[in-house]
Structure formats: structure tokens, C-alpha cells
Amino acid sequence: KYLELSGYRLSEKGAGKIAVKFVVVNHSEADIGDLTLKIRIVTTAAKPEDPPITEFEAKVPSLGPQEIKDVSAMATTKLRIYELPDWQFLRAEVEITSPAP
């Protein structure tokens, strides 16, 4: 695992809109170019067929070896921020969508 997404923070920006802020870490010794990530935030008890709490794309600028960057994105959800489970019951599923593997 060379790329890590951690320490995400959610804050409400109006009904149905949340701001997501997280850290992306390049654990490799090589540069990683610009990325587009598809991120799903689900509960720790979610089954594969369960809908996510939110799903959104985030653009990550290029990262040098062992570099860390803060990334922010906007997402939509049917839940208000106070209806979300506590942070320890949430997890992020990440897929790199660009560049294509």
C-alpha cells in the first residue's frame, strides 16, 4: 500500500451537503502524478450491497516521495451531520479512477 487516505473530517455546509477534508500520503519513493479518486464513505457494518452514506470524487495533486497533502471535496448525502454515525463507525473506500490503471 503506497497511497493512504486518512484523517478525514466531515462538516455540514447546508442540508444534504458536506465538506470532506482528508490527508493523502505517498508512502513510496517515487512521484505520483495527479489523481482522481472515487470515495465512498460507508459504515463499518455496511454490507457490499448497502448504499454509501456519501460518494464523491476528489482531485489529488501530484505527490512527491513520502509527501503528504491536505485535500478537500464537497459531497452530498441524505443525512444531516448529526444523523451520521460517530467517526469510529465510518470508513472510506477509495478507488483511483484517473489515470486509468
PDB file of N, CA and C in Angstrom:
ATOM      1  N   LYS A   1       0.864  -1.176   0.000  1.00  0.00           N
ATOM      2  CA  LYS A   1       0.000   0.000   0.000  1.00  0.00           C
ATOM      3  C   LYS A   1       0.898   1.222   0.000  1.00  0.00           C
ATOM      4  N   TYR A   2       0.869   1.955  -1.101  1.00  0.00           N
ATOM      5  CA  TYR A   2       1.729   3.114  -1.218  1.00  0.00           C
ATOM      6  C   TYR A   2       1.003   4.430  -1.035  1.00  0.00           C
ATOM      7  N   LEU A   3      -0.311   4.440  -1.252  1.00  0.00           N
ATOM      8  CA  LEU A   3      -1.098   5.654  -1.130  1.00  0.00           C
ATOM      9  C   LEU A   3      -2.094   5.455  -0.004  1.00  0.00           C
ATOM     10  N   GLU A   4      -2.159   6.403   0.909  1.00  0.00           N
ATOM     11  CA  GLU A   4      -3.050   6.276   2.063  1.00  0.00           C
ATOM     12  C   GLU A   4      -3.946   7.497   2.154  1.00  0.00           C
ATOM     13  N   LEU A   5      -5.202   7.263   2.472  1.00  0.00           N
ATOM     14  CA  LEU A   5      -6.160   8.331   2.749  1.00  0.00           C
ATOM     15  C   LEU A   5      -6.496   8.200   4.222  1.00  0.00           C
ATOM     16  N   SER A   6      -6.274   9.246   4.980  1.00  0.00           N
ATOM     17  CA  SER A   6      -6.552   9.130   6.411  1.00  0.00           C
ATOM     18  C   SER A   6      -6.984  10.468   6.988  1.00  0.00           C
ATOM     19  N   GLY A   7      -7.462  10.387   8.215  1.00  0.00           N
ATOM     20  CA  GLY A   7      -7.808  11.581   8.967  1.00  0.00           C
ATOM     21  C   GLY A   7      -8.876  12.423   8.330  1.00  0.00           C
ATOM     22  N   TYR A   8      -9.908  11.800   7.749  1.00  0.00           N
ATOM     23  CA  TYR A   8     -10.915  12.622   7.105  1.00  0.00           C
ATOM     24  C   TYR A   8     -11.834  13.277   8.135  1.00  0.00           C
ATOM     25  N   ARG A   9     -12.326  14.453   7.773  1.00  0.00           N
ATOM     26  CA  ARG A   9     -13.206  15.236   8.641  1.00  0.00           C
ATOM     27  C   ARG A   9     -14.394  15.682   7.818  1.00  0.00           C
ATOM     28  N   LEU A  10     -15.582  15.536   8.393  1.00  0.00           N
ATOM     29  CA  LEU A  10     -16.814  15.919   7.719  1.00  0.00           C
ATOM     30  C   LEU A  10     -17.418  17.124   8.418  1.00  0.00           C
ATOM     31  N   SER A  11     -17.896  18.086   7.635  1.00  0.00           N
ATOM     32  CA  SER A  11     -18.614  19.219   8.214  1.00  0.00           C
ATOM     33  C   SER A  11     -19.766  19.582   7.284  1.00  0.00           C
ATOM     34  N   GLU A  12     -20.889  19.965   7.865  1.00  0.00           N
ATOM     35  CA  GLU A  12     -22.082  20.262   7.083  1.00  0.00           C
ATOM     36  C   GLU A  12     -22.002  21.659   6.485  1.00  0.00           C
ATOM     37  N   LYS A  13     -22.397  21.742   5.228  1.00  0.00           N
ATOM     38  CA  LYS A  13     -22.414  23.028   4.523  1.00  0.00           C
ATOM     39  C   LYS A  13     -23.822  23.348   4.033  1.00  0.00           C
ATOM     40  N   GLY A  14     -24.826  22.850   4.753  1.00  0.00           N
ATOM     41  CA  GLY A  14     -26.225  23.029   4.380  1.00  0.00           C
ATOM     42  C   GLY A  14     -26.877  21.661   4.274  1.00  0.00           C
ATOM     43  N   ALA A  15     -28.189  21.642   4.224  1.00  0.00           N
ATOM     44  CA  ALA A  15     -28.916  20.377   4.157  1.00  0.00           C
ATOM     45  C   ALA A  15     -28.479  19.576   2.935  1.00  0.00           C
ATOM     46  N   GLY A  16     -28.024  18.360   3.176  1.00  0.00           N
ATOM     47  CA  GLY A  16     -27.631  17.471   2.095  1.00  0.00           C
ATOM     48  C   GLY A  16     -26.241  17.700   1.536  1.00  0.00           C
ATOM     49  N   LYS A  17     -25.494  18.649   2.081  1.00  0.00           N
ATOM     50  CA  LYS A  17     -24.143  18.954   1.578  1.00  0.00           C
ATOM     51  C   LYS A  17     -23.136  18.879   2.711  1.00  0.00           C
ATOM     52  N   ILE A  18     -22.062  18.132   2.477  1.00  0.00           N
ATOM     53  CA  ILE A  18     -20.988  18.067   3.469  1.00  0.00           C
ATOM     54  C   ILE A  18     -19.646  18.337   2.801  1.00  0.00           C
ATOM     55  N   ALA A  19     -18.797  19.003   3.550  1.00  0.00           N
ATOM     56  CA  ALA A  19     -17.416  19.209   3.126  1.00  0.00           C
ATOM     57  C   ALA A  19     -16.596  18.085   3.739  1.00  0.00           C
ATOM     58  N   VAL A  20     -15.730  17.505   2.932  1.00  0.00           N
ATOM     59  CA  VAL A  20     -14.878  16.413   3.384  1.00  0.00           C
ATOM     60  C   VAL A  20     -13.440  16.878   3.241  1.00  0.00           C
ATOM     61  N   LYS A  21     -12.689  16.790   4.321  1.00  0.00           N
ATOM     62  CA  LYS A  21     -11.276  17.152   4.291  1.00  0.00           C
ATOM     63  C   LYS A  21     -10.493  15.928   4.773  1.00  0.00           C
ATOM     64  N   PHE A  22      -9.428  15.586   4.052  1.00  0.00           N
ATOM     65  CA  PHE A  22      -8.636  14.417   4.406  1.00  0.00           C
ATOM     66  C   PHE A  22      -7.191  14.603   3.978  1.00  0.00           C
ATOM     67  N   VAL A  23      -6.359  13.689   4.415  1.00  0.00           N
ATOM     68  CA  VAL A  23      -4.936  13.724   4.115  1.00  0.00           C
ATOM     69  C   VAL A  23      -4.617  12.564   3.185  1.00  0.00           C
ATOM     70  N   VAL A  24      -3.808  12.837   2.159  1.00  0.00           N
ATOM     71  CA  VAL A  24      -3.328  11.794   1.260  1.00  0.00           C
ATOM     72  C   VAL A  24      -1.814  11.698   1.458  1.00  0.00           C
ATOM     73  N   VAL A  25      -1.347  10.461   1.647  1.00  0.00           N
ATOM     74  CA  VAL A  25       0.069  10.220   1.912  1.00  0.00           C
ATOM     75  C   VAL A  25       0.644   9.320   0.819  1.00  0.00           C
ATOM     76  N   ASN A  26       1.760   9.729   0.235  1.00  0.00           N
ATOM     77  CA  ASN A  26       2.508   8.895  -0.703  1.00  0.00           C
ATOM     78  C   ASN A  26       3.596   8.186   0.095  1.00  0.00           C
ATOM     79  N   HIS A  27       3.430   6.897   0.326  1.00  0.00           N
ATOM     80  CA  HIS A  27       4.404   6.131   1.103  1.00  0.00           C
ATOM     81  C   HIS A  27       5.546   5.585   0.254  1.00  0.00           C
ATOM     82  N   SER A  28       5.521   5.841  -1.052  1.00  0.00           N
ATOM     83  CA  SER A  28       6.553   5.278  -1.927  1.00  0.00           C
ATOM     84  C   SER A  28       7.736   6.235  -2.069  1.00  0.00           C
ATOM     85  N   GLU A  29       8.751   5.757  -2.724  1.00  0.00           N
ATOM     86  CA  GLU A  29       9.941   6.564  -3.011  1.00  0.00           C
ATOM     87  C   GLU A  29       9.866   7.182  -4.403  1.00  0.00           C
ATOM     88  N   ALA A  30       8.718   7.042  -5.069  1.00  0.00           N
ATOM     89  CA  ALA A  30       8.537   7.570  -6.422  1.00  0.00           C
ATOM     90  C   ALA A  30       7.465   8.658  -6.409  1.00  0.00           C
ATOM     91  N   ASP A  31       7.533   9.536  -7.407  1.00  0.00           N
ATOM     92  CA  ASP A  31       6.489  10.543  -7.582  1.00  0.00           C
ATOM     93  C   ASP A  31       5.190   9.864  -7.995  1.00  0.00           C
ATOM     94  N   ILE A  32       4.073  10.449  -7.581  1.00  0.00           N
ATOM     95  CA  ILE A  32       2.756  10.015  -8.037  1.00  0.00           C
ATOM     96  C   ILE A  32       2.113  11.229  -8.682  1.00  0.00           C
ATOM     97  N   GLY A  33       1.692  11.076  -9.939  1.00  0.00           N
ATOM     98  CA  GLY A  33       1.078  12.185 -10.672  1.00  0.00           C
ATOM     99  C   GLY A  33      -0.311  12.506 -10.164  1.00  0.00           C
ATOM    100  N   ASP A  34      -0.936  13.516 -10.783  1.00  0.00           N
ATOM    101  CA  ASP A  34      -2.294  13.906 -10.413  1.00  0.00           C
ATOM    102  C   ASP A  34      -3.222  12.700 -10.451  1.00  0.00           C
ATOM    103  N   LEU A  35      -4.130  12.625  -9.483  1.00  0.00           N
ATOM    104  CA  LEU A  35      -5.072  11.520  -9.387  1.00  0.00           C
ATOM    105  C   LEU A  35      -6.486  12.039  -9.234  1.00  0.00           C
ATOM    106  N   THR A  36      -7.436  11.254  -9.695  1.00  0.00           N
ATOM    107  CA  THR A  36      -8.838  11.462  -9.366  1.00  0.00           C
ATOM    108  C   THR A  36      -9.270  10.233  -8.585  1.00  0.00           C
ATOM    109  N   LEU A  37      -9.855  10.468  -7.425  1.00  0.00           N
ATOM    110  CA  LEU A  37     -10.302   9.382  -6.564  1.00  0.00           C
ATOM    111  C   LEU A  37     -11.816   9.359  -6.494  1.00  0.00           C
ATOM    112  N   LYS A  38     -12.388   8.168  -6.497  1.00  0.00           N
ATOM    113  CA  LYS A  38     -13.805   7.981  -6.197  1.00  0.00           C
ATOM    114  C   LYS A  38     -13.841   7.464  -4.765  1.00  0.00           C
ATOM    115  N   ILE A  39     -14.505   8.201  -3.893  1.00  0.00           N
ATOM    116  CA  ILE A  39     -14.509   7.874  -2.470  1.00  0.00           C
ATOM    117  C   ILE A  39     -15.941   7.599  -2.024  1.00  0.00           C
ATOM    118  N   ARG A  40     -16.108   6.484  -1.355  1.00  0.00           N
ATOM    119  CA  ARG A  40     -17.393   6.114  -0.760  1.00  0.00           C
ATOM    120  C   ARG A  40     -17.194   6.076   0.742  1.00  0.00           C
ATOM    121  N   ILE A  41     -18.040   6.769   1.477  1.00  0.00           N
ATOM    122  CA  ILE A  41     -17.996   6.684   2.935  1.00  0.00           C
ATOM    123  C   ILE A  41     -19.158   5.799   3.358  1.00  0.00           C
ATOM    124  N   VAL A  42     -18.814   4.727   4.049  1.00  0.00           N
ATOM    125  CA  VAL A  42     -19.789   3.724   4.478  1.00  0.00           C
ATOM    126  C   VAL A  42     -19.632   3.487   5.975  1.00  0.00           C
ATOM    127  N   THR A  43     -20.607   2.799   6.556  1.00  0.00           N
ATOM    128  CA  THR A  43     -20.461   2.430   7.964  1.00  0.00           C
ATOM    129  C   THR A  43     -19.594   1.179   8.055  1.00  0.00           C
ATOM    130  N   THR A  44     -19.032   0.955   9.206  1.00  0.00           N
ATOM    131  CA  THR A  44     -18.198  -0.240   9.400  1.00  0.00           C
ATOM    132  C   THR A  44     -19.031  -1.509   9.349  1.00  0.00           C
ATOM    133  N   ALA A  45     -20.347  -1.413   9.528  1.00  0.00           N
ATOM    134  CA  ALA A  45     -21.236  -2.575   9.478  1.00  0.00           C
ATOM    135  C   ALA A  45     -21.873  -2.759   8.098  1.00  0.00           C
ATOM    136  N   ALA A  46     -21.544  -1.901   7.130  1.00  0.00           N
ATOM    137  CA  ALA A  46     -22.178  -1.953   5.817  1.00  0.00           C
ATOM    138  C   ALA A  46     -21.845  -3.244   5.080  1.00  0.00           C
ATOM    139  N   LYS A  47     -22.849  -3.770   4.402  1.00  0.00           N
ATOM    140  CA  LYS A  47     -22.678  -4.911   3.510  1.00  0.00           C
ATOM    141  C   LYS A  47     -22.372  -4.357   2.120  1.00  0.00           C
ATOM    142  N   PRO A  48     -21.760  -5.151   1.246  1.00  0.00           N
ATOM    143  CA  PRO A  48     -21.408  -4.635  -0.093  1.00  0.00           C
ATOM    144  C   PRO A  48     -22.587  -4.050  -0.867  1.00  0.00           C
ATOM    145  N   GLU A  49     -23.786  -4.565  -0.647  1.00  0.00           N
ATOM    146  CA  GLU A  49     -24.950  -4.063  -1.390  1.00  0.00           C
ATOM    147  C   GLU A  49     -25.585  -2.824  -0.751  1.00  0.00           C
ATOM    148  N   ASP A  50     -25.163  -2.434   0.450  1.00  0.00           N
ATOM    149  CA  ASP A  50     -25.713  -1.262   1.116  1.00  0.00           C
ATOM    150  C   ASP A  50     -25.252   0.029   0.437  1.00  0.00           C
ATOM    151  N   PRO A  51     -26.128   1.019   0.337  1.00  0.00           N
ATOM    152  CA  PRO A  51     -25.705   2.288  -0.261  1.00  0.00           C
ATOM    153  C   PRO A  51     -24.742   3.013   0.676  1.00  0.00           C
ATOM    154  N   PRO A  52     -23.842   3.803   0.108  1.00  0.00           N
ATOM    155  CA  PRO A  52     -22.922   4.563   0.956  1.00  0.00           C
ATOM    156  C   PRO A  52     -23.635   5.741   1.621  1.00  0.00           C
ATOM    157  N   ILE A  53     -23.038   6.257   2.660  1.00  0.00           N
ATOM    158  CA  ILE A  53     -23.530   7.496   3.269  1.00  0.00           C
ATOM    159  C   ILE A  53     -23.347   8.631   2.281  1.00  0.00           C
ATOM    160  N   THR A  54     -22.223   8.615   1.589  1.00  0.00           N
ATOM    161  CA  THR A  54     -21.966   9.559   0.507  1.00  0.00           C
ATOM    162  C   THR A  54     -20.939   8.945  -0.435  1.00  0.00           C
ATOM    163  N   GLU A  55     -20.939   9.437  -1.655  1.00  0.00           N
ATOM    164  CA  GLU A  55     -19.978   9.008  -2.674  1.00  0.00           C
ATOM    165  C   GLU A  55     -19.631  10.249  -3.483  1.00  0.00           C
ATOM    166  N   PHE A  56     -18.340  10.465  -3.708  1.00  0.00           N
ATOM    167  CA  PHE A  56     -17.919  11.681  -4.396  1.00  0.00           C
ATOM    168  C   PHE A  56     -16.558  11.468  -5.026  1.00  0.00           C
ATOM    169  N   GLU A  57     -16.179  12.399  -5.897  1.00  0.00           N
ATOM    170  CA  GLU A  57     -14.844  12.393  -6.497  1.00  0.00           C
ATOM    171  C   GLU A  57     -14.002  13.484  -5.868  1.00  0.00           C
ATOM    172  N   ALA A  58     -12.713  13.217  -5.796  1.00  0.00           N
ATOM    173  CA  ALA A  58     -11.762  14.208  -5.287  1.00  0.00           C
ATOM    174  C   ALA A  58     -10.531  14.215  -6.181  1.00  0.00           C
ATOM    175  N   LYS A  59     -10.037  15.399  -6.448  1.00  0.00           N
ATOM    176  CA  LYS A  59      -8.809  15.565  -7.236  1.00  0.00           C
ATOM    177  C   LYS A  59      -7.637  15.694  -6.269  1.00  0.00           C
ATOM    178  N   VAL A  60      -6.598  14.906  -6.520  1.00  0.00           N
ATOM    179  CA  VAL A  60      -5.402  14.938  -5.681  1.00  0.00           C
ATOM    180  C   VAL A  60      -4.242  15.396  -6.556  1.00  0.00           C
ATOM    181  N   PRO A  61      -3.598  16.509  -6.207  1.00  0.00           N
ATOM    182  CA  PRO A  61      -2.449  16.957  -6.996  1.00  0.00           C
ATOM    183  C   PRO A  61      -1.274  16.010  -6.824  1.00  0.00           C
ATOM    184  N   SER A  62      -0.330  16.086  -7.737  1.00  0.00           N
ATOM    185  CA  SER A  62       0.820  15.176  -7.703  1.00  0.00           C
ATOM    186  C   SER A  62       1.517  15.226  -6.338  1.00  0.00           C
ATOM    187  N   LEU A  63       2.065  14.072  -5.973  1.00  0.00           N
ATOM    188  CA  LEU A  63       2.753  13.920  -4.689  1.00  0.00           C
ATOM    189  C   LEU A  63       4.177  13.430  -4.932  1.00  0.00           C
ATOM    190  N   GLY A  64       5.121  14.049  -4.258  1.00  0.00           N
ATOM    191  CA  GLY A  64       6.490  13.580  -4.325  1.00  0.00           C
ATOM    192  C   GLY A  64       6.698  12.407  -3.375  1.00  0.00           C
ATOM    193  N   PRO A  65       7.869  11.805  -3.390  1.00  0.00           N
ATOM    194  CA  PRO A  65       8.157  10.689  -2.492  1.00  0.00           C
ATOM    195  C   PRO A  65       7.926  11.085  -1.031  1.00  0.00           C
ATOM    196  N   GLN A  66       7.211  10.243  -0.292  1.00  0.00           N
ATOM    197  CA  GLN A  66       6.928  10.438   1.130  1.00  0.00           C
ATOM    198  C   GLN A  66       6.202  11.751   1.434  1.00  0.00           C
ATOM    199  N   GLU A  67       5.530  12.336   0.437  1.00  0.00           N
ATOM    200  CA  GLU A  67       4.846  13.617   0.623  1.00  0.00           C
ATOM    201  C   GLU A  67       3.420  13.424   1.139  1.00  0.00           C
ATOM    202  N   ILE A  68       2.928  14.410   1.873  1.00  0.00           N
ATOM    203  CA  ILE A  68       1.581  14.425   2.440  1.00  0.00           C
ATOM    204  C   ILE A  68       0.889  15.703   1.968  1.00  0.00           C
ATOM    205  N   LYS A  69      -0.393  15.575   1.556  1.00  0.00           N
ATOM    206  CA  LYS A  69      -1.156  16.757   1.154  1.00  0.00           C
ATOM    207  C   LYS A  69      -2.555  16.700   1.736  1.00  0.00           C
ATOM    208  N   ASP A  70      -3.077  17.875   2.107  1.00  0.00           N
ATOM    209  CA  ASP A  70      -4.475  18.015   2.512  1.00  0.00           C
ATOM    210  C   ASP A  70      -5.318  18.145   1.244  1.00  0.00           C
ATOM    211  N   VAL A  71      -6.453  17.476   1.237  1.00  0.00           N
ATOM    212  CA  VAL A  71      -7.370  17.530   0.095  1.00  0.00           C
ATOM    213  C   VAL A  71      -8.771  17.802   0.631  1.00  0.00           C
ATOM    214  N   SER A  72      -9.536  18.608  -0.101  1.00  0.00           N
ATOM    215  CA  SER A  72     -10.919  18.905   0.273  1.00  0.00           C
ATOM    216  C   SER A  72     -11.829  18.617  -0.902  1.00  0.00           C
ATOM    217  N   ALA A  73     -13.069  18.222  -0.584  1.00  0.00           N
ATOM    218  CA  ALA A  73     -14.073  17.973  -1.615  1.00  0.00           C
ATOM    219  C   ALA A  73     -15.452  18.213  -1.015  1.00  0.00           C
ATOM    220  N   MET A  74     -16.421  18.427  -1.875  1.00  0.00           N
ATOM    221  CA  MET A  74     -17.813  18.558  -1.457  1.00  0.00           C
ATOM    222  C   MET A  74     -18.542  17.277  -1.831  1.00  0.00           C
ATOM    223  N   ALA A  75     -19.493  16.893  -0.979  1.00  0.00           N
ATOM    224  CA  ALA A  75     -20.254  15.667  -1.211  1.00  0.00           C
ATOM    225  C   ALA A  75     -21.715  15.912  -0.841  1.00  0.00           C
ATOM    226  N   THR A  76     -22.583  15.054  -1.360  1.00  0.00           N
ATOM    227  CA  THR A  76     -23.989  15.126  -0.997  1.00  0.00           C
ATOM    228  C   THR A  76     -24.368  13.887  -0.195  1.00  0.00           C
ATOM    229  N   THR A  77     -25.347  14.032   0.654  1.00  0.00           N
ATOM    230  CA  THR A  77     -25.830  12.932   1.473  1.00  0.00           C
ATOM    231  C   THR A  77     -27.289  13.175   1.833  1.00  0.00           C
ATOM    232  N   LYS A  78     -27.994  12.100   2.131  1.00  0.00           N
ATOM    233  CA  LYS A  78     -29.385  12.225   2.562  1.00  0.00           C
ATOM    234  C   LYS A  78     -29.479  12.502   4.063  1.00  0.00           C
ATOM    235  N   LEU A  79     -28.358  12.359   4.758  1.00  0.00           N
ATOM    236  CA  LEU A  79     -28.350  12.530   6.209  1.00  0.00           C
ATOM    237  C   LEU A  79     -27.841  13.909   6.600  1.00  0.00           C
ATOM    238  N   ARG A  80     -28.335  14.419   7.700  1.00  0.00           N
ATOM    239  CA  ARG A  80     -27.768  15.619   8.298  1.00  0.00           C
ATOM    240  C   ARG A  80     -26.534  15.191   9.085  1.00  0.00           C
ATOM    241  N   ILE A  81     -25.642  16.102   9.357  1.00  0.00           N
ATOM    242  CA  ILE A  81     -24.382  15.770  10.016  1.00  0.00           C
ATOM    243  C   ILE A  81     -24.616  15.122  11.378  1.00  0.00           C
ATOM    244  N   TYR A  82     -25.647  15.555  12.097  1.00  0.00           N
ATOM    245  CA  TYR A  82     -25.928  14.998  13.419  1.00  0.00           C
ATOM    246  C   TYR A  82     -26.553  13.602  13.341  1.00  0.00           C
ATOM    247  N   GLU A  83     -26.967  13.168  12.149  1.00  0.00           N
ATOM    248  CA  GLU A  83     -27.507  11.823  11.963  1.00  0.00           C
ATOM    249  C   GLU A  83     -26.442  10.791  11.590  1.00  0.00           C
ATOM    250  N   LEU A  84     -25.244  11.253  11.271  1.00  0.00           N
ATOM    251  CA  LEU A  84     -24.167  10.342  10.886  1.00  0.00           C
ATOM    252  C   LEU A  84     -23.666   9.559  12.094  1.00  0.00           C
ATOM    253  N   PRO A  85     -23.244   8.319  11.865  1.00  0.00           N
ATOM    254  CA  PRO A  85     -22.635   7.573  12.969  1.00  0.00           C
ATOM    255  C   PRO A  85     -21.352   8.273  13.431  1.00  0.00           C
ATOM    256  N   ASP A  86     -20.922   7.985  14.649  1.00  0.00           N
ATOM    257  CA  ASP A  86     -19.650   8.513  15.138  1.00  0.00           C
ATOM    258  C   ASP A  86     -18.522   8.074  14.211  1.00  0.00           C
ATOM    259  N   TRP A  87     -17.454   8.855  14.181  1.00  0.00           N
ATOM    260  CA  TRP A  87     -16.342   8.639  13.259  1.00  0.00           C
ATOM    261  C   TRP A  87     -15.776   7.223  13.314  1.00  0.00           C
ATOM    262  N   GLN A  88     -15.756   6.601  14.496  1.00  0.00           N
ATOM    263  CA  GLN A  88     -15.157   5.268  14.604  1.00  0.00           C
ATOM    264  C   GLN A  88     -16.003   4.197  13.912  1.00  0.00           C
ATOM    265  N   PHE A  89     -17.246   4.549  13.518  1.00  0.00           N
ATOM    266  CA  PHE A  89     -18.124   3.615  12.820  1.00  0.00           C
ATOM    267  C   PHE A  89     -18.229   3.932  11.322  1.00  0.00           C
ATOM    268  N   LEU A  90     -17.344   4.789  10.834  1.00  0.00           N
ATOM    269  CA  LEU A  90     -17.290   5.129   9.415  1.00  0.00           C
ATOM    270  C   LEU A  90     -15.956   4.708   8.827  1.00  0.00           C
ATOM    271  N   ARG A  91     -15.973   4.373   7.538  1.00  0.00           N
ATOM    272  CA  ARG A  91     -14.720   4.079   6.837  1.00  0.00           C
ATOM    273  C   ARG A  91     -14.848   4.562   5.402  1.00  0.00           C
ATOM    274  N   ALA A  92     -13.719   4.866   4.803  1.00  0.00           N
ATOM    275  CA  ALA A  92     -13.689   5.334   3.417  1.00  0.00           C
ATOM    276  C   ALA A  92     -13.186   4.217   2.521  1.00  0.00           C
ATOM    277  N   GLU A  93     -13.896   4.006   1.424  1.00  0.00           N
ATOM    278  CA  GLU A  93     -13.458   3.087   0.379  1.00  0.00           C
ATOM    279  C   GLU A  93     -12.984   3.962  -0.780  1.00  0.00           C
ATOM    280  N   VAL A  94     -11.780   3.708  -1.273  1.00  0.00           N
ATOM    281  CA  VAL A  94     -11.171   4.590  -2.265  1.00  0.00           C
ATOM    282  C   VAL A  94     -10.820   3.807  -3.524  1.00  0.00           C
ATOM    283  N   GLU A  95     -11.163   4.392  -4.672  1.00  0.00           N
ATOM    284  CA  GLU A  95     -10.807   3.815  -5.956  1.00  0.00           C
ATOM    285  C   GLU A  95     -10.136   4.914  -6.785  1.00  0.00           C
ATOM    286  N   ILE A  96      -9.006   4.611  -7.393  1.00  0.00           N
ATOM    287  CA  ILE A  96      -8.344   5.564  -8.293  1.00  0.00           C
ATOM    288  C   ILE A  96      -9.020   5.435  -9.655  1.00  0.00           C
ATOM    289  N   THR A  97      -9.634   6.520 -10.121  1.00  0.00           N
ATOM    290  CA  THR A  97     -10.334   6.484 -11.415  1.00  0.00           C
ATOM    291  C   THR A  97      -9.550   7.144 -12.535  1.00  0.00           C
ATOM    292  N   SER A  98      -8.586   7.984 -12.190  1.00  0.00           N
ATOM    293  CA  SER A  98      -7.755   8.624 -13.188  1.00  0.00           C
ATOM    294  C   SER A  98      -6.390   8.934 -12.584  1.00  0.00           C
ATOM    295  N   PRO A  99      -5.315   8.604 -13.265  1.00  0.00           N
ATOM    296  CA  PRO A  99      -5.297   7.950 -14.561  1.00  0.00           C
ATOM    297  C   PRO A  99      -5.758   6.493 -14.440  1.00  0.00           C
ATOM    298  N   ALA A 100      -6.283   5.978 -15.544  1.00  0.00           N
ATOM    299  CA  ALA A 100      -6.789   4.607 -15.556  1.00  0.00           C
ATOM    300  C   ALA A 100      -5.642   3.629 -15.287  1.00  0.00           C
ATOM    301  N   PRO A 101      -5.913   2.589 -14.495  1.00  0.00           N
ATOM    302  CA  PRO A 101      -4.853   1.598 -14.200  1.00  0.00           C
ATOM    303  C   PRO A 101      -4.421   0.826 -15.426  1.00  0.00           C
TER     304      PRO A 101
END
